[in-house]
Amino acid sequence: MIPENSKERGSFRMEAERKHIMEKSLQEMLAAMTGPWSNNACRGYVIQAMERCGFRPKEISQVLEALDEAFDLWDLEEAEACYENWRP
């Protein structure tokens, strides 16, 4: 509930701003600890690895299409679990 008098409204606004800054700082700390996620960086890693293994551009394109589908179907935790449980 928003306070009615101006002094209380100012205090309410300051508290809301402080909370916003703290939330943003927490997000920045988490990003610094884990690194920012980027689908394009992931695509770049895949391209580099496939090129190093001798895959042709057409094959790389097919894998990138499948990767884009995977981005849409699974979240980060599910993808991580898939990797951790994968066995060749």
C-alpha atoms as a PDB file:
ATOM      1  CA  MET A   1       0.000   0.000   0.000  1.00  0.00           C
ATOM      2  CA  ILE A   2       1.375   3.428  -0.974  1.00  0.00           C
ATOM      3  CA  PRO A   3       1.506   5.927   1.917  1.00  0.00           C
ATOM      4  CA  GLU A   4      -0.644   9.071   1.727  1.00  0.00           C
ATOM      5  CA  ASN A   5       1.652  11.814   3.059  1.00  0.00           C
ATOM      6  CA  SER A   6       4.656  13.063   1.079  1.00  0.00           C
ATOM      7  CA  LYS A   7       7.283  12.130   3.699  1.00  0.00           C
ATOM      8  CA  GLU A   8       6.061   8.545   3.830  1.00  0.00           C
ATOM      9  CA  ARG A   9       5.809   8.414   0.002  1.00  0.00           C
ATOM     10  CA  GLY A  10       9.417   9.570  -0.290  1.00  0.00           C
ATOM     11  CA  SER A  11      10.513   6.900   2.175  1.00  0.00           C
ATOM     12  CA  PHE A  12       8.452   4.305   0.302  1.00  0.00           C
ATOM     13  CA  ARG A  13      10.102   5.336  -3.000  1.00  0.00           C
ATOM     14  CA  MET A  14      13.588   5.186  -1.465  1.00  0.00           C
ATOM     15  CA  GLU A  15      12.905   1.711  -0.103  1.00  0.00           C
ATOM     16  CA  ALA A  16      11.654   0.531  -3.508  1.00  0.00           C
ATOM     17  CA  GLU A  17      14.786   1.946  -5.197  1.00  0.00           C
ATOM     18  CA  ARG A  18      17.040   0.309  -2.597  1.00  0.00           C
ATOM     19  CA  LYS A  19      15.315  -3.035  -3.161  1.00  0.00           C
ATOM     20  CA  HIS A  20      15.719  -2.667  -6.942  1.00  0.00           C
ATOM     21  CA  ILE A  21      19.443  -1.887  -6.576  1.00  0.00           C
ATOM     22  CA  MET A  22      19.938  -4.884  -4.272  1.00  0.00           C
ATOM     23  CA  GLU A  23      18.143  -7.210  -6.711  1.00  0.00           C
ATOM     24  CA  LYS A  24      20.210  -5.899  -9.622  1.00  0.00           C
ATOM     25  CA  SER A  25      23.420  -6.306  -7.603  1.00  0.00           C
ATOM     26  CA  LEU A  26      22.476  -9.892  -6.767  1.00  0.00           C
ATOM     27  CA  GLN A  27      21.854 -10.635 -10.453  1.00  0.00           C
ATOM     28  CA  GLU A  28      25.227  -9.104 -11.349  1.00  0.00           C
ATOM     29  CA  MET A  29      26.985 -11.159  -8.647  1.00  0.00           C
ATOM     30  CA  LEU A  30      25.398 -14.367  -9.912  1.00  0.00           C
ATOM     31  CA  ALA A  31      26.378 -13.554 -13.489  1.00  0.00           C
ATOM     32  CA  ALA A  32      29.955 -12.859 -12.385  1.00  0.00           C
ATOM     33  CA  MET A  33      30.140 -16.177 -10.550  1.00  0.00           C
ATOM     34  CA  THR A  34      28.617 -18.325 -13.278  1.00  0.00           C
ATOM     35  CA  GLY A  35      29.285 -16.250 -16.373  1.00  0.00           C
ATOM     36  CA  PRO A  36      26.576 -14.835 -18.571  1.00  0.00           C
ATOM     37  CA  TRP A  37      24.615 -17.250 -20.730  1.00  0.00           C
ATOM     38  CA  SER A  38      24.602 -16.616 -24.433  1.00  0.00           C
ATOM     39  CA  ASN A  39      22.963 -18.837 -27.044  1.00  0.00           C
ATOM     40  CA  ASN A  40      25.260 -17.311 -29.664  1.00  0.00           C
ATOM     41  CA  ALA A  41      28.359 -18.143 -27.619  1.00  0.00           C
ATOM     42  CA  CYS A  42      27.099 -21.719 -27.342  1.00  0.00           C
ATOM     43  CA  ARG A  43      26.569 -21.829 -31.110  1.00  0.00           C
ATOM     44  CA  GLY A  44      30.111 -20.540 -31.578  1.00  0.00           C
ATOM     45  CA  TYR A  45      31.547 -23.298 -29.369  1.00  0.00           C
ATOM     46  CA  VAL A  46      29.639 -25.892 -31.375  1.00  0.00           C
ATOM     47  CA  ILE A  47      30.873 -24.459 -34.690  1.00  0.00           C
ATOM     48  CA  GLN A  48      34.483 -24.372 -33.490  1.00  0.00           C
ATOM     49  CA  ALA A  49      34.360 -27.927 -32.157  1.00  0.00           C
ATOM     50  CA  MET A  50      32.724 -29.305 -35.282  1.00  0.00           C
ATOM     51  CA  GLU A  51      35.175 -27.517 -37.585  1.00  0.00           C
ATOM     52  CA  ARG A  52      38.083 -28.932 -35.569  1.00  0.00           C
ATOM     53  CA  CYS A  53      36.612 -32.416 -36.037  1.00  0.00           C
ATOM     54  CA  GLY A  54      36.349 -31.959 -39.800  1.00  0.00           C
ATOM     55  CA  PHE A  55      32.589 -31.550 -40.219  1.00  0.00           C
ATOM     56  CA  ARG A  56      31.371 -29.855 -43.384  1.00  0.00           C
ATOM     57  CA  PRO A  57      29.402 -26.574 -43.298  1.00  0.00           C
ATOM     58  CA  LYS A  58      26.161 -28.358 -44.281  1.00  0.00           C
ATOM     59  CA  GLU A  59      26.532 -30.767 -41.352  1.00  0.00           C
ATOM     60  CA  ILE A  60      27.295 -27.905 -38.989  1.00  0.00           C
ATOM     61  CA  SER A  61      24.182 -26.074 -40.191  1.00  0.00           C
ATOM     62  CA  GLN A  62      22.055 -29.160 -39.494  1.00  0.00           C
ATOM     63  CA  VAL A  63      23.421 -29.413 -35.966  1.00  0.00           C
ATOM     64  CA  LEU A  64      22.854 -25.692 -35.373  1.00  0.00           C
ATOM     65  CA  GLU A  65      19.216 -26.093 -36.453  1.00  0.00           C
ATOM     66  CA  ALA A  66      18.801 -28.966 -33.997  1.00  0.00           C
ATOM     67  CA  LEU A  67      20.525 -26.874 -31.321  1.00  0.00           C
ATOM     68  CA  ASP A  68      18.052 -24.031 -31.865  1.00  0.00           C
ATOM     69  CA  GLU A  69      15.215 -26.504 -31.350  1.00  0.00           C
ATOM     70  CA  ALA A  70      16.878 -27.725 -28.155  1.00  0.00           C
ATOM     71  CA  PHE A  71      17.110 -24.126 -26.881  1.00  0.00           C
ATOM     72  CA  ASP A  72      13.336 -23.866 -27.327  1.00  0.00           C
ATOM     73  CA  LEU A  73      12.494 -27.235 -25.785  1.00  0.00           C
ATOM     74  CA  TRP A  74      14.711 -27.436 -22.691  1.00  0.00           C
ATOM     75  CA  ASP A  75      15.858 -25.024 -20.005  1.00  0.00           C
ATOM     76  CA  LEU A  76      19.425 -24.693 -18.704  1.00  0.00           C
ATOM     77  CA  GLU A  77      18.949 -27.170 -15.853  1.00  0.00           C
ATOM     78  CA  GLU A  78      17.548 -29.826 -18.191  1.00  0.00           C
ATOM     79  CA  ALA A  79      20.404 -29.321 -20.662  1.00  0.00           C
ATOM     80  CA  GLU A  80      22.967 -29.543 -17.871  1.00  0.00           C
ATOM     81  CA  ALA A  81      21.405 -32.775 -16.576  1.00  0.00           C
ATOM     82  CA  CYS A  82      21.457 -34.198 -20.105  1.00  0.00           C
ATOM     83  CA  TYR A  83      25.177 -33.468 -20.396  1.00  0.00           C
ATOM     84  CA  GLU A  84      25.980 -34.847 -16.944  1.00  0.00           C
ATOM     85  CA  ASN A  85      24.067 -38.085 -17.631  1.00  0.00           C
ATOM     86  CA  TRP A  86      25.225 -38.571 -21.243  1.00  0.00           C
ATOM     87  CA  ARG A  87      27.349 -41.582 -22.040  1.00  0.00           C
ATOM     88  CA  PRO A  88      28.706 -42.371 -25.540  1.00  0.00           C
END
